[in-house]
């Protein structure tokens, strides 16, 4: 997929899924990304959506964590994955998530738990589970 097409898909998803639920700021994509957008909710929470031909990602600033979905280069596959991530981001920006503590070998880590129509998302700084 081309950079323009990737950005176009992300713009379409942001318009459809985010709408007026967040302030939208298009950023210069980091290396290896086709497009990147910063979303700021009325709660002050911030998330980012990033796209590349076969890797779609959502990042959350508090707690600092991220989740990704690998895709084919098929436009529908990319659009569907970005839409799922955008719905999770909108839920987060609205303050709909909660932070749990996950116990591990080296202590506890925060895990962001979000519920969307797609199901439950559990997003940590080293691992994530998302609805298929």
Protein backbone atom coordinates (compact mmCIF):
# COMPACT_ATOMS: atom_id res chain seq x y z
CA UNK A 1 0.00 0.00 0.00
CA UNK A 2 1.12 3.54 -0.62
CA UNK A 3 1.66 6.20 2.03
CA UNK A 4 -1.21 8.26 0.62
CA UNK A 5 -3.59 5.32 0.68
CA UNK A 6 -2.58 4.37 4.24
CA UNK A 7 -3.16 7.93 5.43
CA UNK A 8 -6.47 8.03 3.58
CA UNK A 9 -7.64 4.88 5.35
CA UNK A 10 -6.60 6.24 8.74
CA UNK A 11 -8.36 9.56 8.01
CA UNK A 12 -11.53 7.70 7.05
CA UNK A 13 -11.44 5.58 10.22
CA UNK A 14 -10.75 8.61 12.43
CA UNK A 15 -13.66 10.51 10.86
CA UNK A 16 -16.03 7.55 11.26
CA UNK A 17 -15.00 6.21 14.67
CA UNK A 18 -13.71 9.27 16.48
CA UNK A 19 -15.82 12.05 15.01
CA UNK A 20 -16.04 14.86 17.56
CA UNK A 21 -15.05 12.67 20.52
CA UNK A 22 -11.48 13.97 20.46
CA UNK A 23 -9.21 16.72 19.23
CA UNK A 24 -7.37 15.33 16.22
CA UNK A 25 -3.81 16.31 15.39
CA UNK A 26 -2.03 14.76 12.42
CA UNK A 27 1.63 14.22 13.18
CA UNK A 28 4.64 13.49 11.04
CA UNK A 29 4.84 9.71 11.15
CA UNK A 30 7.72 8.10 12.95
CA UNK A 31 10.14 6.05 10.91
CA UNK A 32 8.50 2.96 9.33
CA UNK A 33 4.96 4.33 9.76
CA UNK A 34 2.77 5.59 6.91
CA UNK A 35 0.53 7.85 9.01
CA UNK A 36 0.12 8.88 12.63
CA UNK A 37 -2.59 10.80 14.47
CA UNK A 38 -2.74 12.11 18.03
CA UNK A 39 -6.13 12.09 19.75
CA UNK A 40 -6.92 14.11 22.88
CA UNK A 41 -10.20 13.51 24.68
CA UNK A 42 -12.23 15.94 26.78
CA UNK A 43 -10.83 14.09 29.82
CA UNK A 44 -7.32 15.22 28.86
CA UNK A 45 -6.27 11.66 28.05
CA UNK A 46 -4.17 11.18 24.92
CA UNK A 47 -3.83 8.26 22.53
CA UNK A 48 -2.22 7.76 19.14
CA UNK A 49 -3.21 5.69 16.12
CA UNK A 50 -0.49 4.61 13.73
CA UNK A 51 -0.62 2.69 10.47
CA UNK A 52 1.80 0.95 8.15
CA UNK A 53 1.08 -1.54 5.38
CA UNK A 54 0.87 -4.60 7.69
CA UNK A 55 0.97 -3.22 11.25
CA UNK A 56 -1.74 -1.14 12.93
CA UNK A 57 -1.17 0.25 16.42
CA UNK A 58 -2.84 2.24 19.20
CA UNK A 59 -0.75 3.88 21.93
CA UNK A 60 -2.00 5.20 25.24
CA UNK A 61 -0.15 7.72 27.38
CA UNK A 62 -1.53 6.93 30.85
CA UNK A 63 -0.62 4.26 31.65
CA UNK A 64 2.02 4.14 28.92
CA UNK A 65 1.10 1.08 26.87
CA UNK A 66 0.24 0.02 23.34
CA UNK A 67 -1.52 -2.66 21.34
CA UNK A 68 -1.02 -3.68 17.73
CA UNK A 69 -2.79 -5.79 15.13
CA UNK A 70 -0.89 -7.30 12.22
CA UNK A 71 -2.78 -7.32 8.94
CA UNK A 72 -2.45 -8.19 5.31
CA UNK A 73 -2.07 -5.30 2.90
CA UNK A 74 -5.75 -5.67 1.92
CA UNK A 75 -7.57 -2.35 2.41
CA UNK A 76 -10.57 -3.95 4.13
CA UNK A 77 -8.33 -5.83 6.57
CA UNK A 78 -6.39 -2.66 7.40
CA UNK A 79 -9.59 -0.58 7.72
CA UNK A 80 -11.27 -3.16 10.01
CA UNK A 81 -8.22 -3.38 12.28
CA UNK A 82 -7.82 0.40 12.47
CA UNK A 83 -11.53 0.73 13.28
CA UNK A 84 -11.18 -1.71 16.21
CA UNK A 85 -8.19 0.20 17.52
CA UNK A 86 -10.00 3.52 17.07
CA UNK A 87 -13.00 2.26 19.05
CA UNK A 88 -10.65 1.22 21.87
CA UNK A 89 -9.00 4.66 21.72
CA UNK A 90 -12.37 6.45 21.88
CA UNK A 91 -13.39 4.39 24.92
CA UNK A 92 -10.08 5.27 26.59
CA UNK A 93 -10.38 8.98 25.75
CA UNK A 94 -13.86 9.07 27.28
CA UNK A 95 -12.45 7.71 30.54
CA UNK A 96 -14.13 4.34 30.05
CA UNK A 97 -11.10 2.23 30.90
CA UNK A 98 -9.69 1.10 34.21
CA UNK A 99 -6.18 0.28 35.31
CA UNK A 100 -5.49 -3.03 37.02
CA UNK A 101 -2.24 -4.29 38.47
CA UNK A 102 -0.75 -7.41 36.91
CA UNK A 103 1.63 -9.43 39.03
CA UNK A 104 4.78 -10.76 37.45
CA UNK A 105 8.18 -12.09 38.39
CA UNK A 106 9.60 -8.61 38.88
CA UNK A 107 6.68 -6.95 40.66
CA UNK A 108 3.43 -5.49 39.46
CA UNK A 109 2.70 -3.67 36.22
CA UNK A 110 -0.29 -1.56 35.20
CA UNK A 111 -2.71 -3.06 32.67
CA UNK A 112 -5.26 -0.89 30.89
CA UNK A 113 -8.62 -2.67 30.57
CA UNK A 114 -11.11 -1.35 28.00
CA UNK A 115 -14.54 -2.64 26.98
CA UNK A 116 -15.82 -1.96 23.48
CA UNK A 117 -18.52 -3.54 21.33
CA UNK A 118 -15.72 -5.75 20.01
CA UNK A 119 -15.01 -7.19 23.49
CA UNK A 120 -12.47 -6.69 26.27
CA UNK A 121 -9.01 -5.26 25.66
CA UNK A 122 -6.20 -5.86 28.20
CA UNK A 123 -3.21 -3.69 27.33
CA UNK A 124 0.04 -3.66 29.27
CA UNK A 125 3.47 -2.26 28.55
CA UNK A 126 4.84 -5.71 27.61
CA UNK A 127 1.79 -7.64 26.42
CA UNK A 128 -1.75 -7.13 25.21
CA UNK A 129 -4.88 -9.16 24.52
CA UNK A 130 -7.53 -7.82 22.21
CA UNK A 131 -10.76 -9.11 20.67
CA UNK A 132 -10.28 -10.95 17.40
